[in-house]
């Protein structure tokens, strides 16, 4: 794992993930508000969280490949401070 990959792996754990049940989708939804359009779902809470971690990783890798700015993970408390 190179330095950039290690940094991305570290960042994944710092993004806020909002998890909730959606009766409409009949699934748990995991949203990552700091990463535009980044969300996942799952049949269970744990599955939605696991899928969110995968999607965060893919979102960050794609942004990096495209040369886009990667938002700093601030978390909810710091976003509204």
C-alpha atoms as a PDB file:
ATOM      1  CA  UNK A   1       0.000   0.000   0.000  1.00  0.00           C
ATOM      2  CA  UNK A   2       1.484   3.339  -1.023  1.00  0.00           C
ATOM      3  CA  UNK A   3       1.250   6.555   0.993  1.00  0.00           C
ATOM      4  CA  UNK A   4      -1.795   7.897  -0.876  1.00  0.00           C
ATOM      5  CA  UNK A   5      -3.706   4.643  -0.373  1.00  0.00           C
ATOM      6  CA  UNK A   6      -2.802   4.624   3.321  1.00  0.00           C
ATOM      7  CA  UNK A   7      -4.101   8.189   3.666  1.00  0.00           C
ATOM      8  CA  UNK A   8      -7.372   7.256   1.947  1.00  0.00           C
ATOM      9  CA  UNK A   9      -7.829   4.236   4.214  1.00  0.00           C
ATOM     10  CA  UNK A  10      -7.301   6.473   7.236  1.00  0.00           C
ATOM     11  CA  UNK A  11      -9.824   9.045   5.942  1.00  0.00           C
ATOM     12  CA  UNK A  12     -12.548   6.451   5.394  1.00  0.00           C
ATOM     13  CA  UNK A  13     -12.933   5.970   9.135  1.00  0.00           C
ATOM     14  CA  UNK A  14     -13.395   9.693   9.772  1.00  0.00           C
ATOM     15  CA  UNK A  15     -16.355  10.527   7.537  1.00  0.00           C
ATOM     16  CA  UNK A  16     -19.742  10.751   9.195  1.00  0.00           C
ATOM     17  CA  UNK A  17     -22.183   8.033   8.146  1.00  0.00           C
ATOM     18  CA  UNK A  18     -25.887   8.507   8.805  1.00  0.00           C
ATOM     19  CA  UNK A  19     -27.753   5.191   8.971  1.00  0.00           C
ATOM     20  CA  UNK A  20     -31.535   4.842   8.938  1.00  0.00           C
ATOM     21  CA  UNK A  21     -34.300   2.459   7.962  1.00  0.00           C
ATOM     22  CA  UNK A  22     -36.221   3.267   4.770  1.00  0.00           C
ATOM     23  CA  UNK A  23     -39.633   1.599   4.606  1.00  0.00           C
ATOM     24  CA  UNK A  24     -39.952   2.816   1.021  1.00  0.00           C
ATOM     25  CA  UNK A  25     -36.777   0.956   0.000  1.00  0.00           C
ATOM     26  CA  UNK A  26     -37.243  -1.836   2.533  1.00  0.00           C
ATOM     27  CA  UNK A  27     -33.576  -1.435   3.424  1.00  0.00           C
ATOM     28  CA  UNK A  28     -31.184   0.395   5.707  1.00  0.00           C
ATOM     29  CA  UNK A  29     -29.697   3.469   4.042  1.00  0.00           C
ATOM     30  CA  UNK A  30     -26.219   4.819   4.795  1.00  0.00           C
ATOM     31  CA  UNK A  31     -25.519   8.395   3.703  1.00  0.00           C
ATOM     32  CA  UNK A  32     -22.143  10.155   3.792  1.00  0.00           C
ATOM     33  CA  UNK A  33     -23.097  13.854   3.798  1.00  0.00           C
ATOM     34  CA  UNK A  34     -19.552  15.192   3.333  1.00  0.00           C
ATOM     35  CA  UNK A  35     -19.139  13.307   0.036  1.00  0.00           C
ATOM     36  CA  UNK A  36     -21.714  14.435  -2.528  1.00  0.00           C
ATOM     37  CA  UNK A  37     -23.925  11.580  -3.697  1.00  0.00           C
ATOM     38  CA  UNK A  38     -22.131   9.004  -1.557  1.00  0.00           C
ATOM     39  CA  UNK A  39     -24.625   6.527  -0.140  1.00  0.00           C
ATOM     40  CA  UNK A  40     -25.223   2.800   0.171  1.00  0.00           C
ATOM     41  CA  UNK A  41     -27.877   0.419   1.399  1.00  0.00           C
ATOM     42  CA  UNK A  42     -28.195  -3.010   2.945  1.00  0.00           C
ATOM     43  CA  UNK A  43     -30.659  -5.542   4.286  1.00  0.00           C
ATOM     44  CA  UNK A  44     -29.227  -5.036   7.791  1.00  0.00           C
ATOM     45  CA  UNK A  45     -27.661  -2.155   9.685  1.00  0.00           C
ATOM     46  CA  UNK A  46     -24.268  -3.910   9.574  1.00  0.00           C
ATOM     47  CA  UNK A  47     -24.525  -4.599   5.856  1.00  0.00           C
ATOM     48  CA  UNK A  48     -25.407  -0.969   5.090  1.00  0.00           C
ATOM     49  CA  UNK A  49     -22.422   0.205   7.163  1.00  0.00           C
ATOM     50  CA  UNK A  50     -20.094  -2.268   5.447  1.00  0.00           C
ATOM     51  CA  UNK A  51     -21.357  -1.184   2.017  1.00  0.00           C
ATOM     52  CA  UNK A  52     -20.901   2.478   2.985  1.00  0.00           C
ATOM     53  CA  UNK A  53     -17.252   1.848   3.803  1.00  0.00           C
ATOM     54  CA  UNK A  54     -16.776   0.287   0.366  1.00  0.00           C
ATOM     55  CA  UNK A  55     -18.539   3.181  -1.366  1.00  0.00           C
ATOM     56  CA  UNK A  56     -16.525   5.789   0.563  1.00  0.00           C
ATOM     57  CA  UNK A  57     -13.324   4.075  -0.563  1.00  0.00           C
ATOM     58  CA  UNK A  58     -14.513   4.011  -4.189  1.00  0.00           C
ATOM     59  CA  UNK A  59     -15.680   7.647  -4.007  1.00  0.00           C
ATOM     60  CA  UNK A  60     -12.278   8.770  -2.700  1.00  0.00           C
ATOM     61  CA  UNK A  61     -10.336   6.673  -5.231  1.00  0.00           C
ATOM     62  CA  UNK A  62     -12.412   8.041  -8.114  1.00  0.00           C
ATOM     63  CA  UNK A  63     -12.002  11.640  -6.930  1.00  0.00           C
ATOM     64  CA  UNK A  64      -8.260  11.084  -6.625  1.00  0.00           C
ATOM     65  CA  UNK A  65      -8.020   9.556 -10.121  1.00  0.00           C
ATOM     66  CA  UNK A  66      -9.951  12.503 -11.582  1.00  0.00           C
ATOM     67  CA  UNK A  67      -7.798  15.037  -9.747  1.00  0.00           C
ATOM     68  CA  UNK A  68     -10.760  16.367  -7.757  1.00  0.00           C
ATOM     69  CA  UNK A  69     -10.480  17.899  -4.332  1.00  0.00           C
ATOM     70  CA  UNK A  70     -11.230  15.444  -1.559  1.00  0.00           C
ATOM     71  CA  UNK A  71     -13.182  17.071   1.280  1.00  0.00           C
ATOM     72  CA  UNK A  72     -11.600  16.885   4.692  1.00  0.00           C
ATOM     73  CA  UNK A  73     -13.553  14.663   7.051  1.00  0.00           C
ATOM     74  CA  UNK A  74     -14.937  17.046   9.660  1.00  0.00           C
ATOM     75  CA  UNK A  75     -17.788  15.087  11.183  1.00  0.00           C
ATOM     76  CA  UNK A  76     -21.171  16.478  12.156  1.00  0.00           C
ATOM     77  CA  UNK A  77     -20.118  18.383  15.259  1.00  0.00           C
ATOM     78  CA  UNK A  78     -17.448  20.314  13.389  1.00  0.00           C
ATOM     79  CA  UNK A  79     -19.605  20.908  10.302  1.00  0.00           C
ATOM     80  CA  UNK A  80     -22.014  23.079  12.296  1.00  0.00           C
ATOM     81  CA  UNK A  81     -19.553  24.739  14.658  1.00  0.00           C
END
